[in-house]
Amino acid sequence: DKPLAFSSRKDLVSASSRSPLITKDGTLLNIELFDANTSEDSPILLLTHGVCESAETLGVQAIVTEAKNRSVKVAVLELEGHGYSSGRKCVCGDFDRLLDHFLEFVQHAV
């Protein structure tokens, strides 16, 4: 398990691995993969979080925990400026840019 970015809470689910994604505009985004208790043919849920959140926030953690209980892999894109992704922290100044990044994440993951 990878160390958490911001929290030392023991009840949070840690990602099994991290994967960098360099977008077409050069932004370094972090993907947290949660795949404990899954197999190679398990379904995968592609997820992102809200503004001022990351893969460690409680809403994302609740989804990851439920997916783990159902043997579903979860790949969480940490948006620019969030978690381990590059950029000014907790700022999503351009929705079109955010959408482009998410679409690149989907193409990368599938």
C-alpha atoms as a PDB file:
ATOM      1  CA  ASP A   1       0.000   0.000   0.000  1.00  0.00           C
ATOM      2  CA  LYS A   2       1.151   3.526  -0.815  1.00  0.00           C
ATOM      3  CA  PRO A   3       1.337   6.120   1.964  1.00  0.00           C
ATOM      4  CA  LEU A   4      -1.514   8.581   2.147  1.00  0.00           C
ATOM      5  CA  ALA A   5      -0.845  12.102   0.893  1.00  0.00           C
ATOM      6  CA  PHE A   6      -2.319  14.092   3.746  1.00  0.00           C
ATOM      7  CA  SER A   7      -3.747  11.902   6.458  1.00  0.00           C
ATOM      8  CA  SER A   8      -2.276   9.577   9.026  1.00  0.00           C
ATOM      9  CA  ARG A   9      -5.680   8.106   9.893  1.00  0.00           C
ATOM     10  CA  LYS A  10      -5.465   4.329  10.099  1.00  0.00           C
ATOM     11  CA  ASP A  11      -9.091   3.754   9.030  1.00  0.00           C
ATOM     12  CA  LEU A  12      -8.602   5.127   5.517  1.00  0.00           C
ATOM     13  CA  VAL A  13      -7.999   2.770   2.602  1.00  0.00           C
ATOM     14  CA  SER A  14      -4.593   3.274   1.014  1.00  0.00           C
ATOM     15  CA  ALA A  15      -4.128   2.897  -2.716  1.00  0.00           C
ATOM     16  CA  SER A  16      -2.474  -0.272  -3.957  1.00  0.00           C
ATOM     17  CA  SER A  17      -0.508   1.745  -6.507  1.00  0.00           C
ATOM     18  CA  ARG A  18      -0.121   5.154  -8.109  1.00  0.00           C
ATOM     19  CA  SER A  19       0.176   5.955 -11.759  1.00  0.00           C
ATOM     20  CA  PRO A  20       1.257   9.304 -13.195  1.00  0.00           C
ATOM     21  CA  LEU A  21      -0.614  10.691 -16.187  1.00  0.00           C
ATOM     22  CA  ILE A  22       1.036  13.432 -18.222  1.00  0.00           C
ATOM     23  CA  THR A  23      -1.736  15.219 -20.086  1.00  0.00           C
ATOM     24  CA  LYS A  24      -1.485  16.694 -23.583  1.00  0.00           C
ATOM     25  CA  ASP A  25      -1.004  20.136 -22.012  1.00  0.00           C
ATOM     26  CA  GLY A  26       1.887  18.823 -19.863  1.00  0.00           C
ATOM     27  CA  THR A  27       0.070  18.628 -16.519  1.00  0.00           C
ATOM     28  CA  LEU A  28       1.156  15.817 -14.197  1.00  0.00           C
ATOM     29  CA  LEU A  29      -1.925  14.133 -12.736  1.00  0.00           C
ATOM     30  CA  ASN A  30      -1.965  11.352 -10.158  1.00  0.00           C
ATOM     31  CA  ILE A  31      -4.128   8.254 -10.431  1.00  0.00           C
ATOM     32  CA  GLU A  32      -4.662   6.243  -7.252  1.00  0.00           C
ATOM     33  CA  LEU A  33      -5.541   2.595  -7.916  1.00  0.00           C
ATOM     34  CA  PHE A  34      -7.457   0.637  -5.303  1.00  0.00           C
ATOM     35  CA  ASP A  35      -7.489  -3.021  -6.332  1.00  0.00           C
ATOM     36  CA  ALA A  36      -7.165  -5.106  -3.168  1.00  0.00           C
ATOM     37  CA  ASN A  37      -9.482  -8.148  -3.115  1.00  0.00           C
ATOM     38  CA  THR A  38      -9.914  -8.035  -6.905  1.00  0.00           C
ATOM     39  CA  SER A  39      -8.862 -10.198  -9.817  1.00  0.00           C
ATOM     40  CA  GLU A  40      -7.608  -9.323 -13.275  1.00  0.00           C
ATOM     41  CA  ASP A  41     -11.122  -9.573 -14.719  1.00  0.00           C
ATOM     42  CA  SER A  42     -12.810  -7.540 -11.960  1.00  0.00           C
ATOM     43  CA  PRO A  43     -14.744  -4.483 -13.152  1.00  0.00           C
ATOM     44  CA  ILE A  44     -13.149  -1.080 -12.658  1.00  0.00           C
ATOM     45  CA  LEU A  45     -14.827   2.125 -11.528  1.00  0.00           C
ATOM     46  CA  LEU A  46     -13.281   5.353 -12.840  1.00  0.00           C
ATOM     47  CA  LEU A  47     -13.759   8.121 -10.314  1.00  0.00           C
ATOM     48  CA  THR A  48     -12.704  11.634  -9.529  1.00  0.00           C
ATOM     49  CA  HIS A  49     -13.413  13.854  -6.556  1.00  0.00           C
ATOM     50  CA  GLY A  50     -14.765  17.314  -5.896  1.00  0.00           C
ATOM     51  CA  VAL A  51     -12.904  20.593  -5.463  1.00  0.00           C
ATOM     52  CA  CYS A  52     -10.679  20.696  -2.348  1.00  0.00           C
ATOM     53  CA  GLU A  53     -10.785  16.903  -2.109  1.00  0.00           C
ATOM     54  CA  SER A  54      -8.532  13.974  -3.003  1.00  0.00           C
ATOM     55  CA  ALA A  55      -8.561  10.179  -2.916  1.00  0.00           C
ATOM     56  CA  GLU A  56      -8.423  10.507   0.886  1.00  0.00           C
ATOM     57  CA  THR A  57     -11.609  12.466   1.512  1.00  0.00           C
ATOM     58  CA  LEU A  58     -14.470  10.676   3.185  1.00  0.00           C
ATOM     59  CA  GLY A  59     -16.822  10.594   0.188  1.00  0.00           C
ATOM     60  CA  VAL A  60     -14.214   8.956  -2.033  1.00  0.00           C
ATOM     61  CA  GLN A  61     -13.161   6.653   0.795  1.00  0.00           C
ATOM     62  CA  ALA A  62     -16.765   5.472   1.279  1.00  0.00           C
ATOM     63  CA  ILE A  63     -17.018   4.581  -2.421  1.00  0.00           C
ATOM     64  CA  VAL A  64     -13.617   2.842  -2.371  1.00  0.00           C
ATOM     65  CA  THR A  65     -14.591   0.838   0.720  1.00  0.00           C
ATOM     66  CA  GLU A  66     -17.879  -0.299  -0.811  1.00  0.00           C
ATOM     67  CA  ALA A  67     -16.169  -1.179  -4.096  1.00  0.00           C
ATOM     68  CA  LYS A  68     -13.556  -3.194  -2.192  1.00  0.00           C
ATOM     69  CA  ASN A  69     -16.343  -5.117  -0.447  1.00  0.00           C
ATOM     70  CA  ARG A  70     -17.767  -5.962  -3.898  1.00  0.00           C
ATOM     71  CA  SER A  71     -14.384  -6.845  -5.495  1.00  0.00           C
ATOM     72  CA  VAL A  72     -14.499  -3.822  -7.811  1.00  0.00           C
ATOM     73  CA  LYS A  73     -11.279  -1.987  -8.704  1.00  0.00           C
ATOM     74  CA  VAL A  74     -11.342   1.796  -8.365  1.00  0.00           C
ATOM     75  CA  ALA A  75      -9.076   4.234 -10.224  1.00  0.00           C
ATOM     76  CA  VAL A  76      -9.300   7.724  -8.725  1.00  0.00           C
ATOM     77  CA  LEU A  77      -8.038  10.677 -10.732  1.00  0.00           C
ATOM     78  CA  GLU A  78      -6.703  13.400  -8.466  1.00  0.00           C
ATOM     79  CA  LEU A  79      -7.482  16.628 -10.277  1.00  0.00           C
ATOM     80  CA  GLU A  80      -4.877  19.269 -10.994  1.00  0.00           C
ATOM     81  CA  GLY A  81      -3.919  20.956  -7.718  1.00  0.00           C
ATOM     82  CA  HIS A  82      -5.264  18.094  -5.600  1.00  0.00           C
ATOM     83  CA  GLY A  83      -3.608  15.164  -3.818  1.00  0.00           C
ATOM     84  CA  TYR A  84      -0.337  14.200  -5.503  1.00  0.00           C
ATOM     85  CA  SER A  85      -1.206  15.945  -8.793  1.00  0.00           C
ATOM     86  CA  SER A  86       0.730  19.039  -9.828  1.00  0.00           C
ATOM     87  CA  GLY A  87      -0.680  22.548  -9.882  1.00  0.00           C
ATOM     88  CA  ARG A  88      -1.871  25.247  -7.529  1.00  0.00           C
ATOM     89  CA  LYS A  89      -3.539  23.514  -4.583  1.00  0.00           C
ATOM     90  CA  CYS A  90      -7.334  23.277  -4.457  1.00  0.00           C
ATOM     91  CA  VAL A  91      -7.924  25.441  -7.522  1.00  0.00           C
ATOM     92  CA  CYS A  92     -10.004  24.406 -10.539  1.00  0.00           C
ATOM     93  CA  GLY A  93      -9.940  27.617 -12.497  1.00  0.00           C
ATOM     94  CA  ASP A  94     -10.998  26.280 -15.883  1.00  0.00           C
ATOM     95  CA  PHE A  95     -13.798  23.741 -16.209  1.00  0.00           C
ATOM     96  CA  ASP A  96     -12.983  22.958 -19.853  1.00  0.00           C
ATOM     97  CA  ARG A  97      -9.390  22.111 -18.852  1.00  0.00           C
ATOM     98  CA  LEU A  98     -10.689  19.915 -16.015  1.00  0.00           C
ATOM     99  CA  LEU A  99     -13.007  18.117 -18.440  1.00  0.00           C
ATOM    100  CA  ASP A 100     -10.163  17.588 -20.938  1.00  0.00           C
ATOM    101  CA  HIS A 101      -8.030  16.095 -18.164  1.00  0.00           C
ATOM    102  CA  PHE A 102     -10.832  13.757 -17.102  1.00  0.00           C
ATOM    103  CA  LEU A 103     -11.411  12.585 -20.682  1.00  0.00           C
ATOM    104  CA  GLU A 104      -7.678  11.870 -21.023  1.00  0.00           C
ATOM    105  CA  PHE A 105      -7.891   9.864 -17.792  1.00  0.00           C
ATOM    106  CA  VAL A 106     -10.746   7.772 -19.207  1.00  0.00           C
ATOM    107  CA  GLN A 107      -8.809   7.134 -22.443  1.00  0.00           C
ATOM    108  CA  HIS A 108      -5.708   6.232 -20.414  1.00  0.00           C
ATOM    109  CA  ALA A 109      -7.605   3.819 -18.189  1.00  0.00           C
ATOM    110  CA  VAL A 110      -9.552   1.898 -20.826  1.00  0.00           C
END
